Amino acid sequence: LSRLPVGGHPRVIRGVAGSGKTVVLANMVARYLSRSTSEAADIAESRRSRVAVVCFNRSLVPFLRARIRDAFGDDFGVNAEGCLTVRYLYDLEHSLPFQYPKIDMEDAAARANYYRENLAALRFSDPARYDATIFDVVFVDEGQDFLPEEHQLLLDLVRPNPITSEKPLVIFYDNAQN
């Protein structure tokens, strides 16, 4: 699974707790970053890929970053700087270039829809800022913890692949958990 090509299609990778989903995620991110940074170096005008790793729980962020760093190796800082974003969902939402929503913070579906609506408006009102906001690929750890509206927001934050027109959202999911 760690060697599956990333970037052309969305994927769901399912497994029970302890099956190694996070290790596979880290390896996939490291391989994608390594490949995309070497391709960008070969093409002078090419922009660096933007990669997001999103989880539901804040405490997973340092763990995910450490696993990706371990999988990437010694050049992690040089090659991942400016390309990789590892955040939990609410932190990612708050980093978006929109005013903080004045809605019930407990209503996660309404919050996700608020950001989706603002993202759609930004796409037409300021295409350059929109392009700087979205990612080339988004990896989601513990996807079972997200609401459908949150999954849709994450999909909205992914740039379509120029060859397949698909959005590469890679969700790691444990359907054995409640």
Protein backbone atom coordinates (compact mmCIF):
# COMPACT_ATOMS: atom_id res chain seq x y z
CA LEU A 1 0.00 0.00 0.00
CA SER A 2 2.86 2.39 0.75
CA ARG A 3 3.90 2.25 -2.89
CA LEU A 4 0.48 3.01 -4.39
CA PRO A 5 0.70 6.00 -6.71
CA VAL A 6 -0.78 9.14 -5.19
CA GLY A 7 -2.14 12.09 -7.08
CA GLY A 8 -4.39 10.81 -9.83
CA HIS A 9 -7.42 9.55 -7.92
CA PRO A 10 -9.13 9.61 -4.52
CA ARG A 11 -8.57 6.57 -2.33
CA VAL A 12 -9.94 5.02 0.85
CA ILE A 13 -7.57 2.76 2.75
CA ARG A 14 -9.34 0.77 5.42
CA GLY A 15 -7.92 -1.21 8.28
CA VAL A 16 -8.54 -2.00 11.91
CA ALA A 17 -6.70 -0.36 14.80
CA GLY A 18 -3.06 -1.41 14.88
CA SER A 19 -2.98 -2.55 11.25
CA GLY A 20 -0.41 0.07 10.22
CA LYS A 21 -2.59 2.66 8.49
CA THR A 22 -0.59 5.57 9.91
CA VAL A 23 2.71 3.99 8.83
CA VAL A 24 1.31 3.58 5.31
CA LEU A 25 0.09 7.21 5.38
CA ALA A 26 3.53 8.46 6.44
CA ASN A 27 5.26 6.40 3.73
CA MET A 28 2.83 7.61 1.06
CA VAL A 29 3.32 11.25 2.08
CA ALA A 30 7.11 10.87 2.13
CA ARG A 31 7.17 9.19 -1.30
CA TYR A 32 4.83 11.81 -2.77
CA LEU A 33 6.88 14.70 -1.37
CA SER A 34 10.14 13.15 -2.49
CA ARG A 35 8.85 12.54 -6.01
CA SER A 36 7.17 15.93 -6.38
CA THR A 37 10.17 17.91 -5.08
CA SER A 38 12.54 16.09 -7.46
CA GLU A 39 10.13 16.68 -10.38
CA ALA A 40 9.86 20.38 -9.47
CA ALA A 41 13.66 20.64 -9.41
CA ASP A 42 13.80 19.17 -12.93
CA ILE A 43 11.35 21.75 -14.29
CA ALA A 44 12.47 25.32 -13.53
CA GLU A 45 9.02 26.93 -13.82
CA SER A 46 7.26 24.22 -11.83
CA ARG A 47 5.70 25.17 -8.53
CA ARG A 48 6.19 22.98 -5.49
CA SER A 49 3.33 20.67 -4.56
CA ARG A 50 1.20 21.50 -1.55
CA VAL A 51 0.36 18.51 0.63
CA ALA A 52 -1.95 18.44 3.65
CA VAL A 53 -2.23 15.74 6.28
CA VAL A 54 -5.36 16.19 8.36
CA CYS A 55 -6.50 14.37 11.46
CA PHE A 56 -9.41 14.90 13.80
CA ASN A 57 -7.50 14.95 17.08
CA ARG A 58 -4.92 17.63 17.95
CA SER A 59 -2.75 15.13 19.83
CA LEU A 60 -2.12 13.15 16.63
CA VAL A 61 -0.39 16.06 14.84
CA PRO A 62 3.11 15.66 16.40
CA PHE A 63 2.86 11.87 16.03
CA LEU A 64 1.98 12.14 12.33
CA ARG A 65 4.71 14.71 11.70
CA ALA A 66 7.27 12.44 13.41
CA ARG A 67 6.18 9.37 11.39
CA ILE A 68 6.40 11.36 8.13
CA ARG A 69 9.82 12.73 9.13
CA ASP A 70 11.01 9.18 9.89
CA ALA A 71 9.67 7.88 6.56
CA PHE A 72 11.17 10.76 4.59
CA GLY A 73 14.66 10.65 6.07
CA ASP A 74 17.42 13.21 6.46
CA ASP A 75 16.20 15.74 3.89
CA PHE A 76 12.76 16.15 5.49
CA GLY A 77 13.20 19.77 6.57
CA VAL A 78 14.67 20.95 3.28
CA ASN A 79 12.18 19.17 1.02
CA ALA A 80 9.03 19.44 3.12
CA GLU A 81 9.41 23.08 4.16
CA GLY A 82 6.61 25.09 2.61
CA CYS A 83 5.08 22.00 0.98
CA LEU A 84 3.67 20.03 3.91
CA THR A 85 0.87 21.04 6.25
CA VAL A 86 0.02 18.70 9.13
CA ARG A 87 -2.97 19.91 11.12
CA TYR A 88 -6.04 18.75 12.93
CA LEU A 89 -9.31 19.70 11.26
CA TYR A 90 -10.32 22.71 13.36
CA ASP A 91 -6.83 24.21 13.09
CA LEU A 92 -6.93 23.74 9.31
CA GLU A 93 -10.35 25.40 9.14
CA HIS A 94 -9.11 28.37 11.16
CA SER A 95 -6.08 28.74 8.88
CA LEU A 96 -8.34 29.31 5.87
CA PRO A 97 -8.49 32.94 4.69
CA PHE A 98 -11.99 33.58 6.01
CA GLN A 99 -13.46 35.29 9.01
CA TYR A 100 -14.06 32.98 11.93
CA PRO A 101 -17.68 31.75 11.66
CA LYS A 102 -20.28 33.23 13.93
CA ILE A 103 -22.13 29.96 14.26
CA ASP A 104 -22.49 27.40 17.01
CA MET A 105 -19.01 25.87 17.30
CA GLU A 106 -20.56 22.59 18.39
CA ASP A 107 -22.32 22.26 15.02
CA ALA A 108 -19.43 20.83 13.01
CA ALA A 109 -21.58 20.28 9.91
CA ALA A 110 -22.66 23.95 9.83
CA ARG A 111 -19.05 25.04 10.36
CA ALA A 112 -17.81 22.84 7.49
CA ASN A 113 -20.57 24.17 5.22
CA TYR A 114 -19.64 27.75 6.14
CA TYR A 115 -16.05 27.15 5.04
CA ARG A 116 -17.22 25.35 1.89
CA GLU A 117 -19.42 28.28 0.89
CA ASN A 118 -16.60 30.77 1.49
CA LEU A 119 -14.15 28.61 -0.43
CA ALA A 120 -16.53 28.44 -3.41
CA ALA A 121 -16.95 32.24 -3.34
CA LEU A 122 -13.18 32.74 -3.13
CA ARG A 123 -12.68 30.55 -6.19
CA PHE A 124 -14.55 33.10 -8.31
CA SER A 125 -13.73 36.35 -6.51
CA ASP A 126 -9.97 35.85 -6.10
CA PRO A 127 -8.65 32.89 -8.13
CA ALA A 128 -5.01 33.52 -7.20
CA ARG A 129 -5.77 33.46 -3.46
CA TYR A 130 -7.97 30.41 -3.95
CA ASP A 131 -5.14 28.62 -5.76
CA ALA A 132 -2.76 29.47 -2.91
CA THR A 133 -5.26 28.06 -0.39
CA ILE A 134 -5.94 24.62 -1.86
CA PHE A 135 -3.69 21.56 -1.90
CA ASP A 136 -2.47 19.14 -4.55
CA VAL A 137 -3.28 16.18 -2.32
CA VAL A 138 -4.88 15.78 1.10
CA PHE A 139 -4.29 12.75 3.34
CA VAL A 140 -6.83 12.13 6.12
CA ASP A 141 -5.97 10.00 9.14
CA GLU A 142 -8.79 8.47 11.21
CA GLY A 143 -11.34 9.35 8.53
CA GLN A 144 -14.12 7.61 10.43
CA ASP A 145 -14.13 10.51 12.93
CA PHE A 146 -15.15 13.10 10.31
CA LEU A 147 -18.70 14.06 9.34
CA PRO A 148 -19.73 13.82 5.67
CA GLU A 149 -19.71 17.65 5.46
CA GLU A 150 -16.14 17.70 6.78
CA HIS A 151 -15.10 15.11 4.19
CA GLN A 152 -16.68 17.31 1.52
CA LEU A 153 -14.77 20.35 2.81
CA LEU A 154 -11.52 18.41 2.58
CA LEU A 155 -12.40 17.35 -0.95
CA ASP A 156 -13.11 21.01 -1.80
CA LEU A 157 -9.60 21.86 -0.58
CA VAL A 158 -8.00 19.57 -3.19
CA ARG A 159 -6.92 20.76 -6.63
CA PRO A 160 -8.08 18.43 -9.43
CA ASN A 161 -5.30 16.40 -11.01
CA PRO A 162 -4.47 17.95 -14.40
CA ILE A 163 -4.43 14.56 -16.15
CA THR A 164 -7.35 12.69 -14.56
CA SER A 165 -9.45 15.66 -13.35
CA GLU A 166 -9.94 13.64 -10.15
CA LYS A 167 -9.24 15.13 -6.72
CA PRO A 168 -6.59 13.12 -4.85
CA LEU A 169 -8.07 12.85 -1.37
CA VAL A 170 -6.59 9.82 0.44
CA ILE A 171 -8.63 8.74 3.46
CA PHE A 172 -7.36 6.27 6.05
CA TYR A 173 -10.41 4.77 7.70
CA ASP A 174 -11.19 2.27 10.45
CA ASN A 175 -14.79 1.22 9.99
CA ALA A 176 -14.55 -1.08 13.02
CA GLN A 177 -14.57 1.96 15.34
CA ASN A 178 -17.78 3.68 16.41
